């Protein structure tokens, strides 16, 4: 079964307020088996637009990634994030087919 991923491309506008969101999202992420692959480290746009913070989170499956996003626990955390930054969050299914 292919894994699921969240890809967040965010410009944080209120870092102090954003910290409350980070603290609150830990529980739903634990509940749904999330694992951070990137969490705002160094990045460079070699094509296209890059925001200041890129986060990639791996889940055991696409279904777990989507269910986590819509869960009451994450929605509570999300409410703390609103107004603290701008950006996009994508939920995508991983690829587990043949590789080059």
C-alpha atoms as a PDB file:
ATOM      1  CA  UNK A   1       0.000   0.000   0.000  1.00  0.00           C
ATOM      2  CA  UNK A   2       1.324   3.427  -0.942  1.00  0.00           C
ATOM      3  CA  UNK A   3       2.018   5.899   1.833  1.00  0.00           C
ATOM      4  CA  UNK A   4       0.308   9.255   2.091  1.00  0.00           C
ATOM      5  CA  UNK A   5       1.941  12.657   2.434  1.00  0.00           C
ATOM      6  CA  UNK A   6       1.137  16.188   3.437  1.00  0.00           C
ATOM      7  CA  UNK A   7       3.161  18.814   1.611  1.00  0.00           C
ATOM      8  CA  UNK A   8       2.843  22.250   3.195  1.00  0.00           C
ATOM      9  CA  UNK A   9       4.326  25.362   1.619  1.00  0.00           C
ATOM     10  CA  UNK A  10       3.870  28.138   4.198  1.00  0.00           C
ATOM     11  CA  UNK A  11       4.922  31.707   4.891  1.00  0.00           C
ATOM     12  CA  UNK A  12       4.545  32.145   8.653  1.00  0.00           C
ATOM     13  CA  UNK A  13       3.506  35.700   9.513  1.00  0.00           C
ATOM     14  CA  UNK A  14       3.175  35.287  13.307  1.00  0.00           C
ATOM     15  CA  UNK A  15       5.789  32.846  14.618  1.00  0.00           C
ATOM     16  CA  UNK A  16       4.716  33.170  18.265  1.00  0.00           C
ATOM     17  CA  UNK A  17       1.114  32.347  17.344  1.00  0.00           C
ATOM     18  CA  UNK A  18       2.248  29.568  15.010  1.00  0.00           C
ATOM     19  CA  UNK A  19       4.030  27.841  17.905  1.00  0.00           C
ATOM     20  CA  UNK A  20       0.648  27.122  19.537  1.00  0.00           C
ATOM     21  CA  UNK A  21      -0.429  25.340  16.345  1.00  0.00           C
ATOM     22  CA  UNK A  22       2.771  23.273  16.299  1.00  0.00           C
ATOM     23  CA  UNK A  23       2.180  22.187  19.907  1.00  0.00           C
ATOM     24  CA  UNK A  24      -1.480  21.325  19.223  1.00  0.00           C
ATOM     25  CA  UNK A  25      -0.879  19.273  16.065  1.00  0.00           C
ATOM     26  CA  UNK A  26       1.433  16.797  17.816  1.00  0.00           C
ATOM     27  CA  UNK A  27      -1.391  14.661  19.233  1.00  0.00           C
ATOM     28  CA  UNK A  28      -3.352  14.113  15.991  1.00  0.00           C
ATOM     29  CA  UNK A  29      -0.089  13.490  14.130  1.00  0.00           C
ATOM     30  CA  UNK A  30       0.849  10.808  16.687  1.00  0.00           C
ATOM     31  CA  UNK A  31      -2.637   9.301  16.467  1.00  0.00           C
ATOM     32  CA  UNK A  32      -2.407   8.875  12.691  1.00  0.00           C
ATOM     33  CA  UNK A  33       1.219   7.687  12.520  1.00  0.00           C
ATOM     34  CA  UNK A  34       2.720  10.858  11.026  1.00  0.00           C
ATOM     35  CA  UNK A  35       6.452  11.221  10.532  1.00  0.00           C
ATOM     36  CA  UNK A  36       8.158  14.462   9.514  1.00  0.00           C
ATOM     37  CA  UNK A  37      10.441  14.145   6.496  1.00  0.00           C
ATOM     38  CA  UNK A  38      11.133  17.868   6.235  1.00  0.00           C
ATOM     39  CA  UNK A  39      10.182  20.549   8.724  1.00  0.00           C
ATOM     40  CA  UNK A  40      11.238  23.989   7.568  1.00  0.00           C
ATOM     41  CA  UNK A  41      14.908  23.260   6.923  1.00  0.00           C
ATOM     42  CA  UNK A  42      17.052  24.850   4.233  1.00  0.00           C
ATOM     43  CA  UNK A  43      15.462  25.021   0.790  1.00  0.00           C
ATOM     44  CA  UNK A  44      16.030  26.717  -2.532  1.00  0.00           C
ATOM     45  CA  UNK A  45      13.573  27.302  -5.371  1.00  0.00           C
ATOM     46  CA  UNK A  46      15.293  26.036  -8.486  1.00  0.00           C
ATOM     47  CA  UNK A  47      11.992  26.451 -10.380  1.00  0.00           C
ATOM     48  CA  UNK A  48       8.771  28.158  -9.322  1.00  0.00           C
ATOM     49  CA  UNK A  49       7.809  29.951  -6.118  1.00  0.00           C
ATOM     50  CA  UNK A  50       9.026  28.836  -2.728  1.00  0.00           C
ATOM     51  CA  UNK A  51       7.588  29.957   0.574  1.00  0.00           C
ATOM     52  CA  UNK A  52       9.720  30.333   3.693  1.00  0.00           C
ATOM     53  CA  UNK A  53       8.700  27.022   5.287  1.00  0.00           C
ATOM     54  CA  UNK A  54       8.277  23.688   3.509  1.00  0.00           C
ATOM     55  CA  UNK A  55       7.027  20.722   5.532  1.00  0.00           C
ATOM     56  CA  UNK A  56       6.610  17.152   4.258  1.00  0.00           C
ATOM     57  CA  UNK A  57       4.861  14.672   6.549  1.00  0.00           C
ATOM     58  CA  UNK A  58       4.621  10.949   5.806  1.00  0.00           C
ATOM     59  CA  UNK A  59       1.627   8.826   6.880  1.00  0.00           C
ATOM     60  CA  UNK A  60       1.171   5.047   6.686  1.00  0.00           C
ATOM     61  CA  UNK A  61      -1.390   5.516   3.860  1.00  0.00           C
ATOM     62  CA  UNK A  62      -3.190   8.148   1.812  1.00  0.00           C
ATOM     63  CA  UNK A  63      -6.341   7.375   3.778  1.00  0.00           C
ATOM     64  CA  UNK A  64      -4.555   8.024   7.100  1.00  0.00           C
ATOM     65  CA  UNK A  65      -3.195  11.337   5.766  1.00  0.00           C
ATOM     66  CA  UNK A  66      -6.625  12.501   4.648  1.00  0.00           C
ATOM     67  CA  UNK A  67      -8.395  11.232   7.779  1.00  0.00           C
ATOM     68  CA  UNK A  68      -5.865  13.031   9.973  1.00  0.00           C
ATOM     69  CA  UNK A  69      -6.491  16.321   8.165  1.00  0.00           C
ATOM     70  CA  UNK A  70     -10.255  16.031   8.649  1.00  0.00           C
ATOM     71  CA  UNK A  71     -10.042  14.708  12.235  1.00  0.00           C
ATOM     72  CA  UNK A  72     -11.471  16.766  15.114  1.00  0.00           C
ATOM     73  CA  UNK A  73      -8.021  16.874  16.746  1.00  0.00           C
ATOM     74  CA  UNK A  74      -6.319  18.346  13.704  1.00  0.00           C
ATOM     75  CA  UNK A  75      -9.178  20.751  12.989  1.00  0.00           C
ATOM     76  CA  UNK A  76      -8.761  22.094  16.519  1.00  0.00           C
ATOM     77  CA  UNK A  77      -5.026  22.608  15.867  1.00  0.00           C
ATOM     78  CA  UNK A  78      -5.742  24.133  12.449  1.00  0.00           C
ATOM     79  CA  UNK A  79      -7.938  26.779  14.070  1.00  0.00           C
ATOM     80  CA  UNK A  80      -4.813  27.970  15.915  1.00  0.00           C
ATOM     81  CA  UNK A  81      -2.911  28.274  12.622  1.00  0.00           C
ATOM     82  CA  UNK A  82      -5.494  30.423  10.830  1.00  0.00           C
ATOM     83  CA  UNK A  83      -4.238  33.988  10.541  1.00  0.00           C
ATOM     84  CA  UNK A  84      -0.672  33.035  11.499  1.00  0.00           C
ATOM     85  CA  UNK A  85       0.538  32.432   7.962  1.00  0.00           C
ATOM     86  CA  UNK A  86      -0.410  31.889   4.341  1.00  0.00           C
ATOM     87  CA  UNK A  87       0.231  28.935   2.121  1.00  0.00           C
ATOM     88  CA  UNK A  88      -0.967  25.635   0.791  1.00  0.00           C
ATOM     89  CA  UNK A  89      -1.289  22.111   2.160  1.00  0.00           C
ATOM     90  CA  UNK A  90      -1.575  19.201  -0.252  1.00  0.00           C
ATOM     91  CA  UNK A  91      -2.508  15.638   0.692  1.00  0.00           C
ATOM     92  CA  UNK A  92      -1.056  13.236  -1.859  1.00  0.00           C
ATOM     93  CA  UNK A  93      -0.708   9.518  -2.368  1.00  0.00           C
ATOM     94  CA  UNK A  94       2.817   8.157  -2.581  1.00  0.00           C
ATOM     95  CA  UNK A  95       4.109   6.116  -5.488  1.00  0.00           C
ATOM     96  CA  UNK A  96       5.139   2.529  -4.948  1.00  0.00           C
ATOM     97  CA  UNK A  97       5.496   1.375  -8.551  1.00  0.00           C
ATOM     98  CA  UNK A  98       8.616   0.589 -10.555  1.00  0.00           C
ATOM     99  CA  UNK A  99      11.575   2.927 -10.276  1.00  0.00           C
ATOM    100  CA  UNK A 100      14.126   3.843 -12.954  1.00  0.00           C
END
